[in-house]
Amino acid sequence: MNDAPLSRAELTAAKNKTVTRRLFLVVLGMFGFGFAMAPFTAWRAKLGESMG
């Protein structure tokens, strides 16, 4: 198994990098979604108040 292109350490590092990037994208997406929804939620709350 020594002729494998990636050593175990390199494979682990690559996997960690992928997981980190995916986690970063998920967090970034959640923040983006939250920022996008914030005005809409505030508007909906205001609408609810005006409706009684």
PDB file of N, CA and C in Angstrom:
ATOM      1  N   MET A   1       0.827  -1.214   0.000  1.00  0.00           N
ATOM      2  CA  MET A   1       0.000   0.000   0.000  1.00  0.00           C
ATOM      3  C   MET A   1       0.855   1.254   0.000  1.00  0.00           C
ATOM      4  N   ASN A   2       2.171   1.110  -0.112  1.00  0.00           N
ATOM      5  CA  ASN A   2       3.049   2.280  -0.056  1.00  0.00           C
ATOM      6  C   ASN A   2       3.043   3.046  -1.370  1.00  0.00           C
ATOM      7  N   ASP A   3       2.483   2.433  -2.425  1.00  0.00           N
ATOM      8  CA  ASP A   3       2.469   3.129  -3.720  1.00  0.00           C
ATOM      9  C   ASP A   3       1.212   3.991  -3.867  1.00  0.00           C
ATOM     10  N   ALA A   4       0.451   4.163  -2.786  1.00  0.00           N
ATOM     11  CA  ALA A   4      -0.737   5.020  -2.827  1.00  0.00           C
ATOM     12  C   ALA A   4      -0.314   6.462  -3.066  1.00  0.00           C
ATOM     13  N   PRO A   5      -1.048   7.206  -3.882  1.00  0.00           N
ATOM     14  CA  PRO A   5      -0.684   8.601  -4.209  1.00  0.00           C
ATOM     15  C   PRO A   5      -0.700   9.510  -2.980  1.00  0.00           C
ATOM     16  N   LEU A   6      -1.606   9.245  -2.047  1.00  0.00           N
ATOM     17  CA  LEU A   6      -1.686  10.093  -0.854  1.00  0.00           C
ATOM     18  C   LEU A   6      -1.377   9.266   0.385  1.00  0.00           C
ATOM     19  N   SER A   7      -0.545   9.819   1.248  1.00  0.00           N
ATOM     20  CA  SER A   7      -0.300   9.154   2.519  1.00  0.00           C
ATOM     21  C   SER A   7      -1.512   9.357   3.417  1.00  0.00           C
ATOM     22  N   ARG A   8      -1.569   8.612   4.518  1.00  0.00           N
ATOM     23  CA  ARG A   8      -2.707   8.721   5.430  1.00  0.00           C
ATOM     24  C   ARG A   8      -2.801  10.134   5.997  1.00  0.00           C
ATOM     25  N   ALA A   9      -1.660  10.721   6.330  1.00  0.00           N
ATOM     26  CA  ALA A   9      -1.642  12.074   6.897  1.00  0.00           C
ATOM     27  C   ALA A   9      -2.170  13.086   5.883  1.00  0.00           C
ATOM     28  N   GLU A  10      -1.713  12.942   4.639  1.00  0.00           N
ATOM     29  CA  GLU A  10      -2.167  13.860   3.591  1.00  0.00           C
ATOM     30  C   GLU A  10      -3.666  13.708   3.344  1.00  0.00           C
ATOM     31  N   LEU A  11      -4.142  12.449   3.385  1.00  0.00           N
ATOM     32  CA  LEU A  11      -5.555  12.183   3.175  1.00  0.00           C
ATOM     33  C   LEU A  11      -6.371  12.823   4.291  1.00  0.00           C
ATOM     34  N   THR A  12      -5.909  12.670   5.533  1.00  0.00           N
ATOM     35  CA  THR A  12      -6.598  13.260   6.690  1.00  0.00           C
ATOM     36  C   THR A  12      -6.629  14.779   6.569  1.00  0.00           C
ATOM     37  N   ALA A  13      -5.496  15.364   6.175  1.00  0.00           N
ATOM     38  CA  ALA A  13      -5.418  16.819   6.034  1.00  0.00           C
ATOM     39  C   ALA A  13      -6.400  17.300   4.965  1.00  0.00           C
ATOM     40  N   ALA A  14      -6.449  16.578   3.845  1.00  0.00           N
ATOM     41  CA  ALA A  14      -7.351  16.949   2.761  1.00  0.00           C
ATOM     42  C   ALA A  14      -8.795  16.847   3.227  1.00  0.00           C
ATOM     43  N   LYS A  15      -9.099  15.777   3.961  1.00  0.00           N
ATOM     44  CA  LYS A  15     -10.459  15.575   4.450  1.00  0.00           C
ATOM     45  C   LYS A  15     -10.825  16.686   5.431  1.00  0.00           C
ATOM     46  N   ASN A  16      -9.886  17.039   6.324  1.00  0.00           N
ATOM     47  CA  ASN A  16     -10.137  18.102   7.298  1.00  0.00           C
ATOM     48  C   ASN A  16     -10.382  19.421   6.593  1.00  0.00           C
ATOM     49  N   LYS A  17      -9.606  19.684   5.542  1.00  0.00           N
ATOM     50  CA  LYS A  17      -9.759  20.930   4.798  1.00  0.00           C
ATOM     51  C   LYS A  17     -11.151  20.981   4.166  1.00  0.00           C
ATOM     52  N   THR A  18     -11.598  19.840   3.614  1.00  0.00           N
ATOM     53  CA  THR A  18     -12.911  19.775   2.984  1.00  0.00           C
ATOM     54  C   THR A  18     -14.000  20.009   4.018  1.00  0.00           C
ATOM     55  N   VAL A  19     -13.876  19.367   5.167  1.00  0.00           N
ATOM     56  CA  VAL A  19     -14.878  19.501   6.233  1.00  0.00           C
ATOM     57  C   VAL A  19     -14.915  20.944   6.717  1.00  0.00           C
ATOM     58  N   THR A  20     -13.735  21.547   6.897  1.00  0.00           N
ATOM     59  CA  THR A  20     -13.656  22.929   7.367  1.00  0.00           C
ATOM     60  C   THR A  20     -14.323  23.867   6.362  1.00  0.00           C
ATOM     61  N   ARG A  21     -14.031  23.632   5.088  1.00  0.00           N
ATOM     62  CA  ARG A  21     -14.604  24.488   4.048  1.00  0.00           C
ATOM     63  C   ARG A  21     -16.124  24.329   4.022  1.00  0.00           C
ATOM     64  N   ARG A  22     -16.602  23.078   4.162  1.00  0.00           N
ATOM     65  CA  ARG A  22     -18.039  22.841   4.139  1.00  0.00           C
ATOM     66  C   ARG A  22     -18.694  23.511   5.337  1.00  0.00           C
ATOM     67  N   LEU A  23     -18.040  23.390   6.506  1.00  0.00           N
ATOM     68  CA  LEU A  23     -18.572  24.003   7.728  1.00  0.00           C
ATOM     69  C   LEU A  23     -18.626  25.518   7.565  1.00  0.00           C
ATOM     70  N   PHE A  24     -17.555  26.083   6.979  1.00  0.00           N
ATOM     71  CA  PHE A  24     -17.492  27.521   6.754  1.00  0.00           C
ATOM     72  C   PHE A  24     -18.623  27.970   5.837  1.00  0.00           C
ATOM     73  N   LEU A  25     -18.871  27.185   4.778  1.00  0.00           N
ATOM     74  CA  LEU A  25     -19.940  27.534   3.836  1.00  0.00           C
ATOM     75  C   LEU A  25     -21.301  27.452   4.499  1.00  0.00           C
ATOM     76  N   VAL A  26     -21.481  26.442   5.353  1.00  0.00           N
ATOM     77  CA  VAL A  26     -22.767  26.287   6.057  1.00  0.00           C
ATOM     78  C   VAL A  26     -23.004  27.476   6.975  1.00  0.00           C
ATOM     79  N   VAL A  27     -21.963  27.856   7.751  1.00  0.00           N
ATOM     80  CA  VAL A  27     -22.092  28.988   8.671  1.00  0.00           C
ATOM     81  C   VAL A  27     -22.348  30.274   7.881  1.00  0.00           C
ATOM     82  N   LEU A  28     -21.600  30.438   6.799  1.00  0.00           N
ATOM     83  CA  LEU A  28     -21.762  31.621   5.957  1.00  0.00           C
ATOM     84  C   LEU A  28     -23.180  31.664   5.379  1.00  0.00           C
ATOM     85  N   GLY A  29     -23.671  30.518   4.933  1.00  0.00           N
ATOM     86  CA  GLY A  29     -25.020  30.440   4.388  1.00  0.00           C
ATOM     87  C   GLY A  29     -26.067  30.775   5.435  1.00  0.00           C
ATOM     88  N   MET A  30     -25.861  30.292   6.664  1.00  0.00           N
ATOM     89  CA  MET A  30     -26.803  30.569   7.745  1.00  0.00           C
ATOM     90  C   MET A  30     -26.834  32.064   8.052  1.00  0.00           C
ATOM     91  N   PHE A  31     -25.641  32.671   8.093  1.00  0.00           N
ATOM     92  CA  PHE A  31     -25.583  34.115   8.343  1.00  0.00           C
ATOM     93  C   PHE A  31     -26.277  34.884   7.225  1.00  0.00           C
ATOM     94  N   GLY A  32     -25.982  34.499   5.979  1.00  0.00           N
ATOM     95  CA  GLY A  32     -26.596  35.153   4.834  1.00  0.00           C
ATOM     96  C   GLY A  32     -28.107  35.015   4.861  1.00  0.00           C
ATOM     97  N   PHE A  33     -28.567  33.813   5.199  1.00  0.00           N
ATOM     98  CA  PHE A  33     -30.008  33.565   5.271  1.00  0.00           C
ATOM     99  C   PHE A  33     -30.633  34.404   6.374  1.00  0.00           C
ATOM    100  N   GLY A  34     -29.942  34.486   7.508  1.00  0.00           N
ATOM    101  CA  GLY A  34     -30.434  35.286   8.633  1.00  0.00           C
ATOM    102  C   GLY A  34     -30.534  36.756   8.269  1.00  0.00           C
ATOM    103  N   PHE A  35     -29.500  37.267   7.590  1.00  0.00           N
ATOM    104  CA  PHE A  35     -29.511  38.675   7.179  1.00  0.00           C
ATOM    105  C   PHE A  35     -30.615  38.934   6.165  1.00  0.00           C
ATOM    106  N   ALA A  36     -30.838  37.957   5.291  1.00  0.00           N
ATOM    107  CA  ALA A  36     -31.880  38.116   4.272  1.00  0.00           C
ATOM    108  C   ALA A  36     -33.266  38.069   4.911  1.00  0.00           C
ATOM    109  N   MET A  37     -33.425  37.247   5.941  1.00  0.00           N
ATOM    110  CA  MET A  37     -34.737  37.060   6.565  1.00  0.00           C
ATOM    111  C   MET A  37     -35.057  38.134   7.604  1.00  0.00           C
ATOM    112  N   ALA A  38     -34.037  38.803   8.140  1.00  0.00           N
ATOM    113  CA  ALA A  38     -34.253  39.759   9.231  1.00  0.00           C
ATOM    114  C   ALA A  38     -35.249  40.873   8.866  1.00  0.00           C
ATOM    115  N   PRO A  39     -35.080  41.572   7.755  1.00  0.00           N
ATOM    116  CA  PRO A  39     -36.034  42.637   7.410  1.00  0.00           C
ATOM    117  C   PRO A  39     -37.426  42.073   7.176  1.00  0.00           C
ATOM    118  N   PHE A  40     -37.511  40.908   6.536  1.00  0.00           N
ATOM    119  CA  PHE A  40     -38.794  40.274   6.256  1.00  0.00           C
ATOM    120  C   PHE A  40     -39.514  39.923   7.553  1.00  0.00           C
ATOM    121  N   THR A  41     -38.745  39.366   8.518  1.00  0.00           N
ATOM    122  CA  THR A  41     -39.329  38.992   9.810  1.00  0.00           C
ATOM    123  C   THR A  41     -39.804  40.237  10.552  1.00  0.00           C
ATOM    124  N   ALA A  42     -39.000  41.304  10.520  1.00  0.00           N
ATOM    125  CA  ALA A  42     -39.376  42.551  11.193  1.00  0.00           C
ATOM    126  C   ALA A  42     -40.637  43.132  10.542  1.00  0.00           C
ATOM    127  N   TRP A  43     -40.689  43.069   9.209  1.00  0.00           N
ATOM    128  CA  TRP A  43     -41.852  43.579   8.489  1.00  0.00           C
ATOM    129  C   TRP A  43     -43.096  42.784   8.853  1.00  0.00           C
ATOM    130  N   ARG A  44     -42.930  41.448   8.961  1.00  0.00           N
ATOM    131  CA  ARG A  44     -44.055  40.588   9.293  1.00  0.00           C
ATOM    132  C   ARG A  44     -44.561  40.866  10.708  1.00  0.00           C
ATOM    133  N   ALA A  45     -43.611  41.125  11.640  1.00  0.00           N
ATOM    134  CA  ALA A  45     -43.984  41.437  13.011  1.00  0.00           C
ATOM    135  C   ALA A  45     -44.763  42.767  13.050  1.00  0.00           C
ATOM    136  N   LYS A  46     -44.292  43.740  12.283  1.00  0.00           N
ATOM    137  CA  LYS A  46     -44.958  45.046  12.209  1.00  0.00           C
ATOM    138  C   LYS A  46     -46.355  44.884  11.622  1.00  0.00           C
ATOM    139  N   LEU A  47     -46.457  44.027  10.597  1.00  0.00           N
ATOM    140  CA  LEU A  47     -47.738  43.761   9.971  1.00  0.00           C
ATOM    141  C   LEU A  47     -48.693  43.131  10.977  1.00  0.00           C
ATOM    142  N   GLY A  48     -48.173  42.200  11.791  1.00  0.00           N
ATOM    143  CA  GLY A  48     -48.979  41.540  12.806  1.00  0.00           C
ATOM    144  C   GLY A  48     -49.475  42.525  13.839  1.00  0.00           C
ATOM    145  N   GLU A  49     -48.634  43.484  14.218  1.00  0.00           N
ATOM    146  CA  GLU A  49     -49.031  44.501  15.187  1.00  0.00           C
ATOM    147  C   GLU A  49     -50.148  45.372  14.629  1.00  0.00           C
ATOM    148  N   SER A  50     -50.006  45.775  13.379  1.00  0.00           N
ATOM    149  CA  SER A  50     -51.001  46.665  12.775  1.00  0.00           C
ATOM    150  C   SER A  50     -52.338  45.952  12.575  1.00  0.00           C
ATOM    151  N   MET A  51     -52.287  44.637  12.404  1.00  0.00           N
ATOM    152  CA  MET A  51     -53.510  43.869  12.217  1.00  0.00           C
ATOM    153  C   MET A  51     -54.197  43.603  13.560  1.00  0.00           C
ATOM    154  N   GLY A  52     -53.487  43.811  14.629  1.00  0.00           N
ATOM    155  CA  GLY A  52     -54.070  43.641  15.950  1.00  0.00           C
ATOM    156  C   GLY A  52     -53.699  42.290  16.521  1.00  0.00           C
TER     157      GLY A  52
END
